[in-house]
C-alpha atoms as a PDB file:
ATOM      1  CA  MET A   1      85.063 159.363 142.052  1.00  0.00           C
ATOM      2  CA  SER A   2      87.764 159.380 144.620  1.00  0.00           C
ATOM      3  CA  ASN A   3      90.877 161.897 144.253  1.00  0.00           C
ATOM      4  CA  GLU A   4      93.117 158.789 143.673  1.00  0.00           C
ATOM      5  CA  GLU A   5      90.610 157.104 140.437  1.00  0.00           C
ATOM      6  CA  LYS A   6      90.918 161.129 139.345  1.00  0.00           C
ATOM      7  CA  THR A   7      94.836 160.787 139.618  1.00  0.00           C
ATOM      8  CA  THR A   8      95.374 157.891 137.446  1.00  0.00           C
ATOM      9  CA  ASP A   9      93.055 158.801 134.713  1.00  0.00           C
ATOM     10  CA  THR A  10      94.738 161.989 134.639  1.00  0.00           C
ATOM     11  CA  THR A  11      98.532 160.125 134.495  1.00  0.00           C
ATOM     12  CA  ALA A  12      97.363 157.174 132.073  1.00  0.00           C
ATOM     13  CA  LYS A  13      95.847 160.433 129.657  1.00  0.00           C
ATOM     14  CA  GLU A  14      99.133 162.246 129.962  1.00  0.00           C
ATOM     15  CA  GLU A  15     101.452 159.381 128.886  1.00  0.00           C
ATOM     16  CA  PRO A  16     100.288 158.654 125.245  1.00  0.00           C
ATOM     17  CA  LYS A  17     100.256 162.590 124.606  1.00  0.00           C
ATOM     18  CA  LYS A  18     104.161 162.893 125.369  1.00  0.00           C
ATOM     19  CA  ARG A  19     104.595 160.188 123.443  1.00  0.00           C
ATOM     20  CA  ASN A  20     103.055 161.228 120.115  1.00  0.00           C
ATOM     21  CA  ALA A  21     104.696 164.644 120.503  1.00  0.00           C
ATOM     22  CA  VAL A  22     107.575 163.040 118.706  1.00  0.00           C
ATOM     23  CA  LEU A  23     105.580 161.900 116.203  1.00  0.00           C
ATOM     24  CA  ASP A  24     104.353 164.996 115.156  1.00  0.00           C
ATOM     25  CA  GLU A  25     105.399 166.773 111.985  1.00  0.00           C
ATOM     26  CA  PRO A  26     108.269 169.214 112.982  1.00  0.00           C
ATOM     27  CA  PRO A  27     107.362 173.117 112.665  1.00  0.00           C
ATOM     28  CA  MET A  28     107.861 174.432 108.909  1.00  0.00           C
ATOM     29  CA  PRO A  29     110.263 177.431 109.107  1.00  0.00           C
ATOM     30  CA  SER A  30     112.248 178.505 106.179  1.00  0.00           C
ATOM     31  CA  GLY A  31     116.005 177.899 105.082  1.00  0.00           C
ATOM     32  CA  ASP A  32     118.264 176.312 107.184  1.00  0.00           C
ATOM     33  CA  GLU A  33     115.962 176.554 110.742  1.00  0.00           C
ATOM     34  CA  TYR A  34     113.865 174.215 108.603  1.00  0.00           C
ATOM     35  CA  GLN A  35     116.819 171.741 107.964  1.00  0.00           C
ATOM     36  CA  VAL A  36     117.734 172.121 111.815  1.00  0.00           C
ATOM     37  CA  HIS A  37     114.585 171.032 112.375  1.00  0.00           C
ATOM     38  CA  ALA A  38     114.039 168.222 110.328  1.00  0.00           C
ATOM     39  CA  ILE A  39     117.605 166.672 111.653  1.00  0.00           C
ATOM     40  CA  GLN A  40     116.268 166.706 114.822  1.00  0.00           C
ATOM     41  CA  HIS A  41     113.164 165.609 114.084  1.00  0.00           C
ATOM     42  CA  ALA A  42     114.990 162.743 112.272  1.00  0.00           C
ATOM     43  CA  ARG A  43     116.992 161.785 115.471  1.00  0.00           C
ATOM     44  CA  ASP A  44     113.700 161.987 117.653  1.00  0.00           C
ATOM     45  CA  LEU A  45     111.921 159.440 114.948  1.00  0.00           C
ATOM     46  CA  PHE A  46     115.644 157.136 115.166  1.00  0.00           C
ATOM     47  CA  ARG A  47     115.326 157.032 118.994  1.00  0.00           C
ATOM     48  CA  ILE A  48     111.663 155.557 119.145  1.00  0.00           C
ATOM     49  CA  GLY A  49     112.543 153.250 116.476  1.00  0.00           C
ATOM     50  CA  ASP A  50     110.389 154.437 112.688  1.00  0.00           C
ATOM     51  CA  TYR A  51     113.321 154.129 110.508  1.00  0.00           C
ATOM     52  CA  ALA A  52     111.126 154.711 107.905  1.00  0.00           C
ATOM     53  CA  GLY A  53     110.263 158.275 109.377  1.00  0.00           C
ATOM     54  CA  VAL A  54     113.963 158.508 109.698  1.00  0.00           C
ATOM     55  CA  LYS A  55     114.468 158.215 105.992  1.00  0.00           C
ATOM     56  CA  ALA A  56     111.516 159.862 104.877  1.00  0.00           C
ATOM     57  CA  THR A  57     113.000 163.036 106.333  1.00  0.00           C
ATOM     58  CA  ILE A  58     116.838 162.765 105.839  1.00  0.00           C
ATOM     59  CA  GLU A  59     115.956 161.981 101.870  1.00  0.00           C
ATOM     60  CA  PRO A  60     115.881 166.123 100.835  1.00  0.00           C
ATOM     61  CA  LEU A  61     118.312 167.427 103.567  1.00  0.00           C
ATOM     62  CA  LEU A  62     120.581 164.468 101.669  1.00  0.00           C
ATOM     63  CA  ALA A  63     121.140 167.276  98.467  1.00  0.00           C
ATOM     64  CA  SER A  64     121.243 170.201 101.094  1.00  0.00           C
ATOM     65  CA  LYS A  65     123.970 173.019 100.111  1.00  0.00           C
ATOM     66  CA  ASN A  66     124.659 173.452 103.908  1.00  0.00           C
ATOM     67  CA  PRO A  67     127.515 170.261 104.522  1.00  0.00           C
ATOM     68  CA  ALA A  68     126.962 170.103 108.288  1.00  0.00           C
ATOM     69  CA  MET A  69     123.432 169.037 107.634  1.00  0.00           C
ATOM     70  CA  VAL A  70     124.355 166.970 104.565  1.00  0.00           C
ATOM     71  CA  ASP A  71     127.029 165.215 107.070  1.00  0.00           C
ATOM     72  CA  ALA A  72     124.290 164.490 109.986  1.00  0.00           C
ATOM     73  CA  ALA A  73     122.027 162.912 107.051  1.00  0.00           C
ATOM     74  CA  ASN A  74     124.322 160.725 106.093  1.00  0.00           C
ATOM     75  CA  GLU A  75     124.935 159.900 109.431  1.00  0.00           C
ATOM     76  CA  LEU A  76     121.497 158.688 110.117  1.00  0.00           C
ATOM     77  CA  GLN A  77     121.472 156.420 107.140  1.00  0.00           C
ATOM     78  CA  LYS A  78     124.416 154.894 108.081  1.00  0.00           C
ATOM     79  CA  ARG A  79     122.771 153.934 110.868  1.00  0.00           C
ATOM     80  CA  ILE A  80     119.928 153.025 109.452  1.00  0.00           C
ATOM     81  CA  SER A  81     121.281 150.955 106.611  1.00  0.00           C
ATOM     82  CA  VAL A  82     121.869 146.726 106.867  1.00  0.00           C
ATOM     83  CA  ASP A  83     125.153 145.928 108.225  1.00  0.00           C
ATOM     84  CA  PRO A  84     127.086 143.727 105.344  1.00  0.00           C
ATOM     85  CA  VAL A  85     128.384 141.245 108.039  1.00  0.00           C
ATOM     86  CA  GLN A  86     124.721 140.479 108.447  1.00  0.00           C
ATOM     87  CA  ILE A  87     124.128 139.816 104.864  1.00  0.00           C
ATOM     88  CA  GLY A  88     127.495 137.882 104.895  1.00  0.00           C
ATOM     89  CA  PHE A  89     126.364 135.799 108.365  1.00  0.00           C
ATOM     90  CA  LEU A  90     123.013 134.914 106.804  1.00  0.00           C
ATOM     91  CA  VAL A  91     124.738 132.949 103.600  1.00  0.00           C
ATOM     92  CA  VAL A  92     126.731 131.279 105.468  1.00  0.00           C
ATOM     93  CA  CYS A  93     124.387 130.278 107.614  1.00  0.00           C
ATOM     94  CA  PHE A  94     122.052 129.328 105.080  1.00  0.00           C
ATOM     95  CA  GLY A  95     124.799 127.730 103.182  1.00  0.00           C
ATOM     96  CA  VAL A  96     125.757 125.453 106.319  1.00  0.00           C
ATOM     97  CA  ILE A  97     122.096 124.429 107.020  1.00  0.00           C
ATOM     98  CA  VAL A  98     121.791 123.526 102.779  1.00  0.00           C
ATOM     99  CA  THR A  99     125.121 121.218 103.912  1.00  0.00           C
ATOM    100  CA  ILE A 100     123.689 119.633 107.234  1.00  0.00           C
ATOM    101  CA  CYS A 101     119.957 119.407 104.831  1.00  0.00           C
ATOM    102  CA  LEU A 102     122.589 117.337 101.903  1.00  0.00           C
ATOM    103  CA  VAL A 103     124.525 115.164 104.365  1.00  0.00           C
ATOM    104  CA  TYR A 104     121.753 114.169 106.320  1.00  0.00           C
ATOM    105  CA  PHE A 105     119.308 113.102 103.706  1.00  0.00           C
ATOM    106  CA  GLY A 106     121.955 112.322 100.754  1.00  0.00           C
ATOM    107  CA  HIS A 107     122.790 108.763 102.695  1.00  0.00           C
END
């Protein structure tokens, strides 16, 4: 193997490690330190698009006694929840399609 092949092989193997490092479980310190790590882990999960992981991570933090942790967890929960405007827009579009179909097939 030439040096170029070795270089491409090592870089190809390093990239998945970096990406999977975000998915690893956070360290398990105790008390407030755990909560800080859990919020950071939830933000990392949000950044890569694992919204189910975010929801599972913030659920215990919502019952925290620390108001800053509760606020951070609520903020993440708002970011992953469904926007009511989207639901309204979907209902209006469905109504328009049903109306068009009734008018078209009704005549």
